[in-house]
Amino acid sequence: MTSRGNRDALREDALRAPEAAAGYEAARVRFELGRAVRERREALGMTQTGLARPAGLQQPSIARFEAGGTMPTLPMLERLAAALGMRLRIKFEPRDRAAD
């Protein structure tokens, strides 16, 4: 049986590979976008179906997106923002050098 410390060390070693780091970053972005949409939807008291209709999507698509399972296109993000009564704003930020 592998100890937790060994698993953590193996994970850290694997994430040092450029392709693994890129995959991890893409997953982080998907998760953060999904979480932001879910939090806004819930704050408005909307169901996933209630959000899907004005966004031109189906409820399973909203569920997958909120779970971080899909990388949305910019047009999809714009439709979601409009359906949530928001405006999409995209910006670049400096990287946290401590995380590099």
Protein backbone atom coordinates (compact mmCIF):
# COMPACT_ATOMS: atom_id res chain seq x y z
CA MET A 1 0.00 0.00 0.00
CA THR A 2 1.30 3.47 -0.87
CA SER A 3 1.48 6.02 1.93
CA ARG A 4 -0.11 9.44 1.54
CA GLY A 5 3.31 11.08 1.58
CA ASN A 6 4.50 8.91 -1.28
CA ARG A 7 1.35 9.65 -3.31
CA ASP A 8 1.78 13.39 -2.75
CA ALA A 9 5.43 13.19 -3.84
CA LEU A 10 4.48 11.19 -6.95
CA ARG A 11 1.77 13.75 -7.79
CA GLU A 12 4.21 16.65 -7.41
CA ASP A 13 6.74 14.89 -9.64
CA ALA A 14 4.07 14.23 -12.27
CA LEU A 15 2.93 17.87 -12.25
CA ARG A 16 6.45 19.02 -13.07
CA ALA A 17 6.01 17.69 -16.61
CA PRO A 18 4.92 20.58 -18.88
CA GLU A 19 1.95 18.69 -20.34
CA ALA A 20 0.70 17.72 -16.90
CA ALA A 21 1.00 21.28 -15.64
CA ALA A 22 -0.93 22.53 -18.68
CA GLY A 23 -3.67 19.95 -18.07
CA TYR A 24 -3.87 20.89 -14.42
CA GLU A 25 -4.16 24.59 -15.32
CA ALA A 26 -6.94 23.89 -17.83
CA ALA A 27 -8.83 21.89 -15.21
CA ARG A 28 -8.42 24.72 -12.70
CA VAL A 29 -9.86 27.23 -15.17
CA ARG A 30 -12.84 24.98 -15.97
CA PHE A 31 -13.52 24.42 -12.27
CA GLU A 32 -13.32 28.13 -11.40
CA LEU A 33 -15.61 29.14 -14.27
CA GLY A 34 -18.13 26.47 -13.34
CA ARG A 35 -18.05 27.46 -9.69
CA ALA A 36 -18.59 31.15 -10.53
CA VAL A 37 -21.62 30.34 -12.68
CA ARG A 38 -23.09 27.98 -10.07
CA GLU A 39 -22.64 30.51 -7.26
CA ARG A 40 -24.31 33.29 -9.28
CA ARG A 41 -27.13 30.98 -10.40
CA GLU A 42 -27.79 29.88 -6.83
CA ALA A 43 -27.64 33.48 -5.55
CA LEU A 44 -30.37 34.32 -8.07
CA GLY A 45 -32.42 31.32 -6.95
CA MET A 46 -32.26 29.76 -10.42
CA THR A 47 -32.24 26.09 -11.22
CA GLN A 48 -29.93 24.66 -13.84
CA THR A 49 -32.93 24.34 -16.15
CA GLY A 50 -33.88 27.94 -15.43
CA LEU A 51 -30.42 29.04 -16.52
CA ALA A 52 -30.22 26.71 -19.50
CA ARG A 53 -33.29 28.10 -21.27
CA PRO A 54 -32.22 31.76 -21.62
CA ALA A 55 -28.64 30.67 -22.35
CA GLY A 56 -29.83 28.48 -25.23
CA LEU A 57 -28.49 25.31 -23.61
CA GLN A 58 -29.87 22.16 -22.05
CA GLN A 59 -29.74 21.38 -18.33
CA PRO A 60 -27.15 18.56 -18.69
CA SER A 61 -24.81 21.05 -20.39
CA ILE A 62 -25.14 23.41 -17.43
CA ALA A 63 -24.49 20.54 -15.00
CA ARG A 64 -21.33 19.46 -16.86
CA PHE A 65 -20.11 23.03 -17.09
CA GLU A 66 -20.69 23.75 -13.39
CA ALA A 67 -18.81 20.57 -12.49
CA GLY A 68 -15.81 21.71 -14.52
CA GLY A 69 -16.34 19.05 -17.14
CA THR A 70 -16.24 21.26 -20.22
CA MET A 71 -14.17 24.19 -21.46
CA PRO A 72 -16.66 26.78 -22.69
CA THR A 73 -16.28 28.96 -25.74
CA LEU A 74 -16.40 32.74 -25.43
CA PRO A 75 -19.85 32.89 -27.06
CA MET A 76 -21.13 30.34 -24.52
CA LEU A 77 -19.70 32.41 -21.66
CA GLU A 78 -21.38 35.51 -23.10
CA ARG A 79 -24.74 33.70 -23.26
CA LEU A 80 -24.34 32.45 -19.68
CA ALA A 81 -23.38 35.93 -18.46
CA ALA A 82 -26.42 37.49 -20.15
CA ALA A 83 -28.72 34.79 -18.72
CA LEU A 84 -27.29 35.54 -15.26
CA GLY A 85 -27.82 39.29 -15.69
CA MET A 86 -24.12 39.94 -15.96
CA ARG A 87 -21.55 41.16 -18.47
CA LEU A 88 -18.58 38.98 -19.40
CA ARG A 89 -15.27 40.58 -18.54
CA ILE A 90 -11.96 38.92 -19.42
CA LYS A 91 -8.61 40.19 -18.23
CA PHE A 92 -5.00 39.12 -17.98
CA GLU A 93 -3.26 39.04 -14.61
CA PRO A 94 0.37 38.52 -13.75
CA ARG A 95 1.29 35.03 -12.69
CA ASP A 96 1.98 34.33 -9.07
CA ARG A 97 5.73 33.72 -9.21
CA ALA A 98 5.60 31.63 -6.05
CA ALA A 99 3.43 29.08 -7.89
CA ASP A 100 5.87 28.72 -10.83
